[in-house]
Amino acid sequence: MKSITTDSLQELVESGRDINLIDVREAEEVAYGMIPGAVHIPLGQLPEQFDELDKSKEYHVICKAGGRSAMACDYLANNGIQTVNIEGGMMDWDGEVIA
């Protein structure tokens, strides 16, 4: 599984590069803030919303600490989608967040 640090993700976000970022935390967690541009799909809803994802794109996946995003990456990769897990998750994120 490909993975990057939150510092590397922050460089991508701040560079203006077009990335596809999925936040798999629960609603009460994202209420505290999400990375701008992220799409919220709770881990438990990923199978239901899988068809909305484009198999030709790579998705960066984040959660609170990196465990759920790793599970999401495994699920997506097993279904033909390229993923990058964000190590450390939002607990390590020092960049901008939006409520």
PDB file of N, CA and C in Angstrom:
ATOM      1  N   MET A   1       0.846  -1.182   0.000  1.00  0.00           N
ATOM      2  CA  MET A   1       0.000   0.000   0.000  1.00  0.00           C
ATOM      3  C   MET A   1       0.890   1.244   0.000  1.00  0.00           C
ATOM      4  N   LYS A   2       0.572   2.143  -0.907  1.00  0.00           N
ATOM      5  CA  LYS A   2       1.291   3.413  -0.940  1.00  0.00           C
ATOM      6  C   LYS A   2       0.836   4.263   0.239  1.00  0.00           C
ATOM      7  N   SER A   3       1.766   5.017   0.799  1.00  0.00           N
ATOM      8  CA  SER A   3       1.403   5.931   1.872  1.00  0.00           C
ATOM      9  C   SER A   3       2.338   7.136   1.844  1.00  0.00           C
ATOM     10  N   ILE A   4       1.836   8.232   2.416  1.00  0.00           N
ATOM     11  CA  ILE A   4       2.643   9.441   2.562  1.00  0.00           C
ATOM     12  C   ILE A   4       2.361  10.036   3.933  1.00  0.00           C
ATOM     13  N   THR A   5       3.215  10.939   4.341  1.00  0.00           N
ATOM     14  CA  THR A   5       3.030  11.635   5.610  1.00  0.00           C
ATOM     15  C   THR A   5       2.081  12.815   5.422  1.00  0.00           C
ATOM     16  N   THR A   6       1.629  13.344   6.544  1.00  0.00           N
ATOM     17  CA  THR A   6       0.780  14.531   6.464  1.00  0.00           C
ATOM     18  C   THR A   6       1.569  15.730   5.943  1.00  0.00           C
ATOM     19  N   ASP A   7       2.870  15.770   6.211  1.00  0.00           N
ATOM     20  CA  ASP A   7       3.695  16.865   5.682  1.00  0.00           C
ATOM     21  C   ASP A   7       3.714  16.832   4.151  1.00  0.00           C
ATOM     22  N   SER A   8       3.854  15.614   3.591  1.00  0.00           N
ATOM     23  CA  SER A   8       3.841  15.477   2.130  1.00  0.00           C
ATOM     24  C   SER A   8       2.477  15.844   1.561  1.00  0.00           C
ATOM     25  N   LEU A   9       1.419  15.440   2.257  1.00  0.00           N
ATOM     26  CA  LEU A   9       0.071  15.804   1.811  1.00  0.00           C
ATOM     27  C   LEU A   9      -0.101  17.315   1.851  1.00  0.00           C
ATOM     28  N   GLN A  10       0.396  17.952   2.895  1.00  0.00           N
ATOM     29  CA  GLN A  10       0.264  19.401   3.007  1.00  0.00           C
ATOM     30  C   GLN A  10       0.969  20.096   1.850  1.00  0.00           C
ATOM     31  N   GLU A  11       2.128  19.596   1.454  1.00  0.00           N
ATOM     32  CA  GLU A  11       2.830  20.167   0.302  1.00  0.00           C
ATOM     33  C   GLU A  11       1.989  20.041  -0.964  1.00  0.00           C
ATOM     34  N   LEU A  12       1.348  18.877  -1.147  1.00  0.00           N
ATOM     35  CA  LEU A  12       0.484  18.686  -2.320  1.00  0.00           C
ATOM     36  C   LEU A  12      -0.692  19.652  -2.302  1.00  0.00           C
ATOM     37  N   VAL A  13      -1.348  19.766  -1.145  1.00  0.00           N
ATOM     38  CA  VAL A  13      -2.523  20.636  -1.017  1.00  0.00           C
ATOM     39  C   VAL A  13      -2.128  22.089  -1.258  1.00  0.00           C
ATOM     40  N   GLU A  14      -1.046  22.528  -0.638  1.00  0.00           N
ATOM     41  CA  GLU A  14      -0.636  23.931  -0.752  1.00  0.00           C
ATOM     42  C   GLU A  14      -0.068  24.268  -2.121  1.00  0.00           C
ATOM     43  N   SER A  15       0.385  23.272  -2.868  1.00  0.00           N
ATOM     44  CA  SER A  15       0.915  23.519  -4.212  1.00  0.00           C
ATOM     45  C   SER A  15      -0.199  23.752  -5.224  1.00  0.00           C
ATOM     46  N   GLY A  16      -1.429  23.445  -4.812  1.00  0.00           N
ATOM     47  CA  GLY A  16      -2.560  23.613  -5.714  1.00  0.00           C
ATOM     48  C   GLY A  16      -2.756  22.429  -6.649  1.00  0.00           C
ATOM     49  N   ARG A  17      -1.967  21.381  -6.452  1.00  0.00           N
ATOM     50  CA  ARG A  17      -2.105  20.181  -7.285  1.00  0.00           C
ATOM     51  C   ARG A  17      -3.484  19.573  -7.082  1.00  0.00           C
ATOM     52  N   ASP A  18      -4.063  19.098  -8.150  1.00  0.00           N
ATOM     53  CA  ASP A  18      -5.396  18.492  -8.089  1.00  0.00           C
ATOM     54  C   ASP A  18      -5.274  17.078  -7.533  1.00  0.00           C
ATOM     55  N   ILE A  19      -5.713  16.897  -6.278  1.00  0.00           N
ATOM     56  CA  ILE A  19      -5.702  15.563  -5.688  1.00  0.00           C
ATOM     57  C   ILE A  19      -7.117  15.200  -5.277  1.00  0.00           C
ATOM     58  N   ASN A  20      -7.366  13.921  -5.195  1.00  0.00           N
ATOM     59  CA  ASN A  20      -8.656  13.411  -4.753  1.00  0.00           C
ATOM     60  C   ASN A  20      -8.477  12.899  -3.336  1.00  0.00           C
ATOM     61  N   LEU A  21      -9.062  13.600  -2.377  1.00  0.00           N
ATOM     62  CA  LEU A  21      -8.877  13.286  -0.969  1.00  0.00           C
ATOM     63  C   LEU A  21     -10.200  12.853  -0.353  1.00  0.00           C
ATOM     64  N   ILE A  22     -10.186  11.671   0.255  1.00  0.00           N
ATOM     65  CA  ILE A  22     -11.371  11.146   0.932  1.00  0.00           C
ATOM     66  C   ILE A  22     -11.094  11.103   2.424  1.00  0.00           C
ATOM     67  N   ASP A  23     -11.993  11.680   3.205  1.00  0.00           N
ATOM     68  CA  ASP A  23     -11.917  11.638   4.666  1.00  0.00           C
ATOM     69  C   ASP A  23     -12.921  10.582   5.132  1.00  0.00           C
ATOM     70  N   VAL A  24     -12.428   9.505   5.756  1.00  0.00           N
ATOM     71  CA  VAL A  24     -13.297   8.391   6.131  1.00  0.00           C
ATOM     72  C   VAL A  24     -13.717   8.422   7.600  1.00  0.00           C
ATOM     73  N   ARG A  25     -13.505   9.562   8.275  1.00  0.00           N
ATOM     74  CA  ARG A  25     -13.928   9.674   9.675  1.00  0.00           C
ATOM     75  C   ARG A  25     -15.447   9.779   9.773  1.00  0.00           C
ATOM     76  N   GLU A  26     -15.950   9.611  10.981  1.00  0.00           N
ATOM     77  CA  GLU A  26     -17.382   9.737  11.233  1.00  0.00           C
ATOM     78  C   GLU A  26     -17.785  11.210  11.258  1.00  0.00           C
ATOM     79  N   ALA A  27     -19.092  11.458  11.099  1.00  0.00           N
ATOM     80  CA  ALA A  27     -19.615  12.828  11.018  1.00  0.00           C
ATOM     81  C   ALA A  27     -19.224  13.671  12.223  1.00  0.00           C
ATOM     82  N   GLU A  28     -19.282  13.095  13.424  1.00  0.00           N
ATOM     83  CA  GLU A  28     -18.944  13.877  14.617  1.00  0.00           C
ATOM     84  C   GLU A  28     -17.460  14.257  14.646  1.00  0.00           C
ATOM     85  N   GLU A  29     -16.618  13.480  13.965  1.00  0.00           N
ATOM     86  CA  GLU A  29     -15.195  13.815  13.891  1.00  0.00           C
ATOM     87  C   GLU A  29     -14.934  14.925  12.873  1.00  0.00           C
ATOM     88  N   VAL A  30     -15.571  14.850  11.708  1.00  0.00           N
ATOM     89  CA  VAL A  30     -15.343  15.872  10.693  1.00  0.00           C
ATOM     90  C   VAL A  30     -15.960  17.208  11.084  1.00  0.00           C
ATOM     91  N   ALA A  31     -16.860  17.202  12.059  1.00  0.00           N
ATOM     92  CA  ALA A  31     -17.441  18.453  12.539  1.00  0.00           C
ATOM     93  C   ALA A  31     -16.370  19.373  13.114  1.00  0.00           C
ATOM     94  N   TYR A  32     -15.246  18.809  13.544  1.00  0.00           N
ATOM     95  CA  TYR A  32     -14.142  19.601  14.077  1.00  0.00           C
ATOM     96  C   TYR A  32     -13.266  20.173  12.974  1.00  0.00           C
ATOM     97  N   GLY A  33     -13.488  19.756  11.750  1.00  0.00           N
ATOM     98  CA  GLY A  33     -12.757  20.308  10.624  1.00  0.00           C
ATOM     99  C   GLY A  33     -12.217  19.254   9.688  1.00  0.00           C
ATOM    100  N   MET A  34     -12.200  19.617   8.408  1.00  0.00           N
ATOM    101  CA  MET A  34     -11.673  18.758   7.356  1.00  0.00           C
ATOM    102  C   MET A  34     -10.672  19.557   6.537  1.00  0.00           C
ATOM    103  N   ILE A  35      -9.831  18.840   5.830  1.00  0.00           N
ATOM    104  CA  ILE A  35      -8.889  19.481   4.918  1.00  0.00           C
ATOM    105  C   ILE A  35      -9.692  20.047   3.741  1.00  0.00           C
ATOM    106  N   PRO A  36      -9.443  21.293   3.354  1.00  0.00           N
ATOM    107  CA  PRO A  36     -10.175  21.866   2.221  1.00  0.00           C
ATOM    108  C   PRO A  36     -10.055  20.980   0.980  1.00  0.00           C
ATOM    109  N   GLY A  37     -11.192  20.743   0.339  1.00  0.00           N
ATOM    110  CA  GLY A  37     -11.222  19.918  -0.868  1.00  0.00           C
ATOM    111  C   GLY A  37     -11.487  18.450  -0.623  1.00  0.00           C
ATOM    112  N   ALA A  38     -11.428  18.029   0.641  1.00  0.00           N
ATOM    113  CA  ALA A  38     -11.685  16.620   0.952  1.00  0.00           C
ATOM    114  C   ALA A  38     -13.166  16.302   0.783  1.00  0.00           C
ATOM    115  N   VAL A  39     -13.435  15.065   0.419  1.00  0.00           N
ATOM    116  CA  VAL A  39     -14.798  14.559   0.317  1.00  0.00           C
ATOM    117  C   VAL A  39     -15.018  13.630   1.508  1.00  0.00           C
ATOM    118  N   HIS A  40     -16.124  13.824   2.210  1.00  0.00           N
ATOM    119  CA  HIS A  40     -16.405  13.004   3.385  1.00  0.00           C
ATOM    120  C   HIS A  40     -17.201  11.767   2.995  1.00  0.00           C
ATOM    121  N   ILE A  41     -16.580  10.599   3.163  1.00  0.00           N
ATOM    122  CA  ILE A  41     -17.266   9.320   2.992  1.00  0.00           C
ATOM    123  C   ILE A  41     -16.875   8.466   4.196  1.00  0.00           C
ATOM    124  N   PRO A  42     -17.733   8.371   5.213  1.00  0.00           N
ATOM    125  CA  PRO A  42     -17.386   7.549   6.371  1.00  0.00           C
ATOM    126  C   PRO A  42     -17.034   6.123   5.945  1.00  0.00           C
ATOM    127  N   LEU A  43     -16.097   5.510   6.653  1.00  0.00           N
ATOM    128  CA  LEU A  43     -15.622   4.184   6.298  1.00  0.00           C
ATOM    129  C   LEU A  43     -16.772   3.202   6.082  1.00  0.00           C
ATOM    130  N   GLY A  44     -17.759   3.208   6.955  1.00  0.00           N
ATOM    131  CA  GLY A  44     -18.884   2.281   6.848  1.00  0.00           C
ATOM    132  C   GLY A  44     -19.752   2.503   5.622  1.00  0.00           C
ATOM    133  N   GLN A  45     -19.680   3.685   5.016  1.00  0.00           N
ATOM    134  CA  GLN A  45     -20.488   3.985   3.836  1.00  0.00           C
ATOM    135  C   GLN A  45     -19.716   3.810   2.530  1.00  0.00           C
ATOM    136  N   LEU A  46     -18.441   3.467   2.643  1.00  0.00           N
ATOM    137  CA  LEU A  46     -17.607   3.336   1.448  1.00  0.00           C
ATOM    138  C   LEU A  46     -18.161   2.323   0.444  1.00  0.00           C
ATOM    139  N   PRO A  47     -18.605   1.137   0.885  1.00  0.00           N
ATOM    140  CA  PRO A  47     -19.164   0.197  -0.100  1.00  0.00           C
ATOM    141  C   PRO A  47     -20.393   0.750  -0.833  1.00  0.00           C
ATOM    142  N   GLU A  48     -21.221   1.510  -0.132  1.00  0.00           N
ATOM    143  CA  GLU A  48     -22.427   2.085  -0.738  1.00  0.00           C
ATOM    144  C   GLU A  48     -22.097   3.180  -1.749  1.00  0.00           C
ATOM    145  N   GLN A  49     -21.005   3.902  -1.522  1.00  0.00           N
ATOM    146  CA  GLN A  49     -20.653   5.016  -2.387  1.00  0.00           C
ATOM    147  C   GLN A  49     -19.517   4.684  -3.351  1.00  0.00           C
ATOM    148  N   PHE A  50     -19.101   3.435  -3.366  1.00  0.00           N
ATOM    149  CA  PHE A  50     -17.993   2.994  -4.198  1.00  0.00           C
ATOM    150  C   PHE A  50     -18.199   3.340  -5.671  1.00  0.00           C
ATOM    151  N   ASP A  51     -19.407   3.176  -6.175  1.00  0.00           N
ATOM    152  CA  ASP A  51     -19.676   3.426  -7.597  1.00  0.00           C
ATOM    153  C   ASP A  51     -19.512   4.888  -7.991  1.00  0.00           C
ATOM    154  N   GLU A  52     -19.448   5.784  -7.019  1.00  0.00           N
ATOM    155  CA  GLU A  52     -19.267   7.208  -7.305  1.00  0.00           C
ATOM    156  C   GLU A  52     -17.799   7.550  -7.567  1.00  0.00           C
ATOM    157  N   LEU A  53     -16.901   6.611  -7.272  1.00  0.00           N
ATOM    158  CA  LEU A  53     -15.470   6.852  -7.456  1.00  0.00           C
ATOM    159  C   LEU A  53     -15.038   6.475  -8.863  1.00  0.00           C
ATOM    160  N   ASP A  54     -14.061   7.197  -9.369  1.00  0.00           N
ATOM    161  CA  ASP A  54     -13.548   7.005 -10.724  1.00  0.00           C
ATOM    162  C   ASP A  54     -12.310   6.116 -10.671  1.00  0.00           C
ATOM    163  N   LYS A  55     -12.390   4.931 -11.269  1.00  0.00           N
ATOM    164  CA  LYS A  55     -11.279   3.977 -11.215  1.00  0.00           C
ATOM    165  C   LYS A  55     -10.034   4.464 -11.953  1.00  0.00           C
ATOM    166  N   SER A  56     -10.165   5.511 -12.749  1.00  0.00           N
ATOM    167  CA  SER A  56      -8.999   6.030 -13.463  1.00  0.00           C
ATOM    168  C   SER A  56      -8.201   7.026 -12.618  1.00  0.00           C
ATOM    169  N   LYS A  57      -8.717   7.352 -11.427  1.00  0.00           N
ATOM    170  CA  LYS A  57      -8.054   8.335 -10.564  1.00  0.00           C
ATOM    171  C   LYS A  57      -7.432   7.659  -9.347  1.00  0.00           C
ATOM    172  N   GLU A  58      -6.466   8.354  -8.769  1.00  0.00           N
ATOM    173  CA  GLU A  58      -5.850   7.910  -7.522  1.00  0.00           C
ATOM    174  C   GLU A  58      -6.478   8.713  -6.383  1.00  0.00           C
ATOM    175  N   TYR A  59      -6.758   8.036  -5.273  1.00  0.00           N
ATOM    176  CA  TYR A  59      -7.394   8.682  -4.131  1.00  0.00           C
ATOM    177  C   TYR A  59      -6.482   8.645  -2.910  1.00  0.00           C
ATOM    178  N   HIS A  60      -6.294   9.807  -2.283  1.00  0.00           N
ATOM    179  CA  HIS A  60      -5.607   9.905  -1.005  1.00  0.00           C
ATOM    180  C   HIS A  60      -6.684   9.746   0.063  1.00  0.00           C
ATOM    181  N   VAL A  61      -6.403   8.938   1.076  1.00  0.00           N
ATOM    182  CA  VAL A  61      -7.417   8.625   2.084  1.00  0.00           C
ATOM    183  C   VAL A  61      -6.874   8.963   3.466  1.00  0.00           C
ATOM    184  N   ILE A  62      -7.691   9.696   4.243  1.00  0.00           N
ATOM    185  CA  ILE A  62      -7.284  10.133   5.579  1.00  0.00           C
ATOM    186  C   ILE A  62      -8.373   9.812   6.598  1.00  0.00           C
ATOM    187  N   CYS A  63      -7.940   9.585   7.836  1.00  0.00           N
ATOM    188  CA  CYS A  63      -8.866   9.397   8.952  1.00  0.00           C
ATOM    189  C   CYS A  63      -8.276  10.140  10.154  1.00  0.00           C
ATOM    190  N   LYS A  64      -8.567   9.693  11.350  1.00  0.00           N
ATOM    191  CA  LYS A  64      -8.048  10.379  12.533  1.00  0.00           C
ATOM    192  C   LYS A  64      -6.565  10.088  12.750  1.00  0.00           C
ATOM    193  N   ALA A  65      -6.162   8.795  12.657  1.00  0.00           N
ATOM    194  CA  ALA A  65      -4.777   8.437  12.974  1.00  0.00           C
ATOM    195  C   ALA A  65      -4.097   7.571  11.923  1.00  0.00           C
ATOM    196  N   GLY A  66      -4.839   7.031  10.971  1.00  0.00           N
ATOM    197  CA  GLY A  66      -4.242   6.222   9.911  1.00  0.00           C
ATOM    198  C   GLY A  66      -4.741   4.791   9.819  1.00  0.00           C
ATOM    199  N   GLY A  67      -5.423   4.307  10.832  1.00  0.00           N
ATOM    200  CA  GLY A  67      -5.925   2.932  10.827  1.00  0.00           C
ATOM    201  C   GLY A  67      -7.113   2.715   9.913  1.00  0.00           C
ATOM    202  N   ARG A  68      -8.130   3.540  10.062  1.00  0.00           N
ATOM    203  CA  ARG A  68      -9.322   3.387   9.213  1.00  0.00           C
ATOM    204  C   ARG A  68      -9.015   3.719   7.764  1.00  0.00           C
ATOM    205  N   SER A  69      -8.132   4.689   7.554  1.00  0.00           N
ATOM    206  CA  SER A  69      -7.778   5.018   6.171  1.00  0.00           C
ATOM    207  C   SER A  69      -7.028   3.851   5.529  1.00  0.00           C
ATOM    208  N   ALA A  70      -6.222   3.136   6.297  1.00  0.00           N
ATOM    209  CA  ALA A  70      -5.534   1.953   5.770  1.00  0.00           C
ATOM    210  C   ALA A  70      -6.545   0.879   5.384  1.00  0.00           C
ATOM    211  N   MET A  71      -7.582   0.684   6.211  1.00  0.00           N
ATOM    212  CA  MET A  71      -8.639  -0.280   5.880  1.00  0.00           C
ATOM    213  C   MET A  71      -9.375   0.150   4.614  1.00  0.00           C
ATOM    214  N   ALA A  72      -9.654   1.455   4.511  1.00  0.00           N
ATOM    215  CA  ALA A  72     -10.332   1.971   3.320  1.00  0.00           C
ATOM    216  C   ALA A  72      -9.470   1.762   2.084  1.00  0.00           C
ATOM    217  N   CYS A  73      -8.171   2.013   2.206  1.00  0.00           N
ATOM    218  CA  CYS A  73      -7.249   1.816   1.081  1.00  0.00           C
ATOM    219  C   CYS A  73      -7.233   0.355   0.645  1.00  0.00           C
ATOM    220  N   ASP A  74      -7.201  -0.560   1.606  1.00  0.00           N
ATOM    221  CA  ASP A  74      -7.231  -1.994   1.278  1.00  0.00           C
ATOM    222  C   ASP A  74      -8.503  -2.338   0.515  1.00  0.00           C
ATOM    223  N   TYR A  75      -9.647  -1.862   1.014  1.00  0.00           N
ATOM    224  CA  TYR A  75     -10.924  -2.139   0.354  1.00  0.00           C
ATOM    225  C   TYR A  75     -10.931  -1.585  -1.072  1.00  0.00           C
ATOM    226  N   LEU A  76     -10.538  -0.329  -1.215  1.00  0.00           N
ATOM    227  CA  LEU A  76     -10.549   0.300  -2.532  1.00  0.00           C
ATOM    228  C   LEU A  76      -9.568  -0.380  -3.484  1.00  0.00           C
ATOM    229  N   ALA A  77      -8.371  -0.680  -3.004  1.00  0.00           N
ATOM    230  CA  ALA A  77      -7.368  -1.337  -3.849  1.00  0.00           C
ATOM    231  C   ALA A  77      -7.838  -2.716  -4.302  1.00  0.00           C
ATOM    232  N   ASN A  78      -8.510  -3.435  -3.416  1.00  0.00           N
ATOM    233  CA  ASN A  78      -9.045  -4.752  -3.771  1.00  0.00           C
ATOM    234  C   ASN A  78     -10.166  -4.663  -4.800  1.00  0.00           C
ATOM    235  N   ASN A  79     -10.681  -3.460  -4.987  1.00  0.00           N
ATOM    236  CA  ASN A  79     -11.743  -3.231  -5.969  1.00  0.00           C
ATOM    237  C   ASN A  79     -11.267  -2.375  -7.139  1.00  0.00           C
ATOM    238  N   GLY A  80      -9.958  -2.354  -7.344  1.00  0.00           N
ATOM    239  CA  GLY A  80      -9.414  -1.744  -8.544  1.00  0.00           C
ATOM    240  C   GLY A  80      -9.154  -0.255  -8.515  1.00  0.00           C
ATOM    241  N   ILE A  81      -9.108   0.342  -7.326  1.00  0.00           N
ATOM    242  CA  ILE A  81      -8.876   1.781  -7.241  1.00  0.00           C
ATOM    243  C   ILE A  81      -7.503   2.030  -6.611  1.00  0.00           C
ATOM    244  N   GLN A  82      -6.732   2.922  -7.230  1.00  0.00           N
ATOM    245  CA  GLN A  82      -5.411   3.281  -6.708  1.00  0.00           C
ATOM    246  C   GLN A  82      -5.571   4.215  -5.509  1.00  0.00           C
ATOM    247  N   THR A  83      -4.841   3.906  -4.442  1.00  0.00           N
ATOM    248  CA  THR A  83      -4.979   4.690  -3.222  1.00  0.00           C
ATOM    249  C   THR A  83      -3.630   5.051  -2.625  1.00  0.00           C
ATOM    250  N   VAL A  84      -3.668   6.077  -1.775  1.00  0.00           N
ATOM    251  CA  VAL A  84      -2.516   6.486  -0.980  1.00  0.00           C
ATOM    252  C   VAL A  84      -3.030   6.733   0.439  1.00  0.00           C
ATOM    253  N   ASN A  85      -2.491   5.996   1.400  1.00  0.00           N
ATOM    254  CA  ASN A  85      -2.881   6.185   2.793  1.00  0.00           C
ATOM    255  C   ASN A  85      -2.097   7.353   3.393  1.00  0.00           C
ATOM    256  N   ILE A  86      -2.775   8.166   4.196  1.00  0.00           N
ATOM    257  CA  ILE A  86      -2.121   9.287   4.867  1.00  0.00           C
ATOM    258  C   ILE A  86      -1.747   8.840   6.285  1.00  0.00           C
ATOM    259  N   GLU A  87      -0.456   8.636   6.497  1.00  0.00           N
ATOM    260  CA  GLU A  87       0.050   8.183   7.796  1.00  0.00           C
ATOM    261  C   GLU A  87      -0.152   9.261   8.854  1.00  0.00           C
ATOM    262  N   GLY A  88      -0.621   8.864  10.009  1.00  0.00           N
ATOM    263  CA  GLY A  88      -0.803   9.809  11.117  1.00  0.00           C
ATOM    264  C   GLY A  88      -2.135  10.523  11.111  1.00  0.00           C
ATOM    265  N   GLY A  89      -2.793  10.554   9.966  1.00  0.00           N
ATOM    266  CA  GLY A  89      -4.127  11.134   9.860  1.00  0.00           C
ATOM    267  C   GLY A  89      -4.236  12.569  10.351  1.00  0.00           C
ATOM    268  N   MET A  90      -5.452  12.940  10.708  1.00  0.00           N
ATOM    269  CA  MET A  90      -5.732  14.309  11.125  1.00  0.00           C
ATOM    270  C   MET A  90      -5.029  14.669  12.433  1.00  0.00           C
ATOM    271  N   MET A  91      -4.651  13.660  13.215  1.00  0.00           N
ATOM    272  CA  MET A  91      -3.919  13.956  14.454  1.00  0.00           C
ATOM    273  C   MET A  91      -2.559  14.580  14.157  1.00  0.00           C
ATOM    274  N   ASP A  92      -1.984  14.274  12.989  1.00  0.00           N
ATOM    275  CA  ASP A  92      -0.691  14.830  12.601  1.00  0.00           C
ATOM    276  C   ASP A  92      -0.810  16.010  11.636  1.00  0.00           C
ATOM    277  N   TRP A  93      -2.015  16.336  11.212  1.00  0.00           N
ATOM    278  CA  TRP A  93      -2.215  17.394  10.215  1.00  0.00           C
ATOM    279  C   TRP A  93      -2.030  18.766  10.853  1.00  0.00           C
ATOM    280  N   ASP A  94      -1.146  19.586  10.278  1.00  0.00           N
ATOM    281  CA  ASP A  94      -0.904  20.935  10.776  1.00  0.00           C
ATOM    282  C   ASP A  94      -1.426  22.017   9.826  1.00  0.00           C
ATOM    283  N   GLY A  95      -2.000  21.591   8.703  1.00  0.00           N
ATOM    284  CA  GLY A  95      -2.471  22.546   7.715  1.00  0.00           C
ATOM    285  C   GLY A  95      -3.857  23.092   8.034  1.00  0.00           C
ATOM    286  N   GLU A  96      -4.385  23.805   7.059  1.00  0.00           N
ATOM    287  CA  GLU A  96      -5.684  24.445   7.173  1.00  0.00           C
ATOM    288  C   GLU A  96      -6.801  23.400   7.281  1.00  0.00           C
ATOM    289  N   VAL A  97      -7.812  23.712   8.060  1.00  0.00           N
ATOM    290  CA  VAL A  97      -9.025  22.904   8.116  1.00  0.00           C
ATOM    291  C   VAL A  97     -10.227  23.820   7.978  1.00  0.00           C
ATOM    292  N   ILE A  98     -11.298  23.257   7.438  1.00  0.00           N
ATOM    293  CA  ILE A  98     -12.545  24.003   7.337  1.00  0.00           C
ATOM    294  C   ILE A  98     -13.627  23.242   8.094  1.00  0.00           C
ATOM    295  N   ALA A  99     -14.539  23.970   8.676  1.00  0.00           N
ATOM    296  CA  ALA A  99     -15.605  23.349   9.459  1.00  0.00           C
ATOM    297  C   ALA A  99     -16.796  23.020   8.582  1.00  0.00           C
TER     298      ALA A  99
END
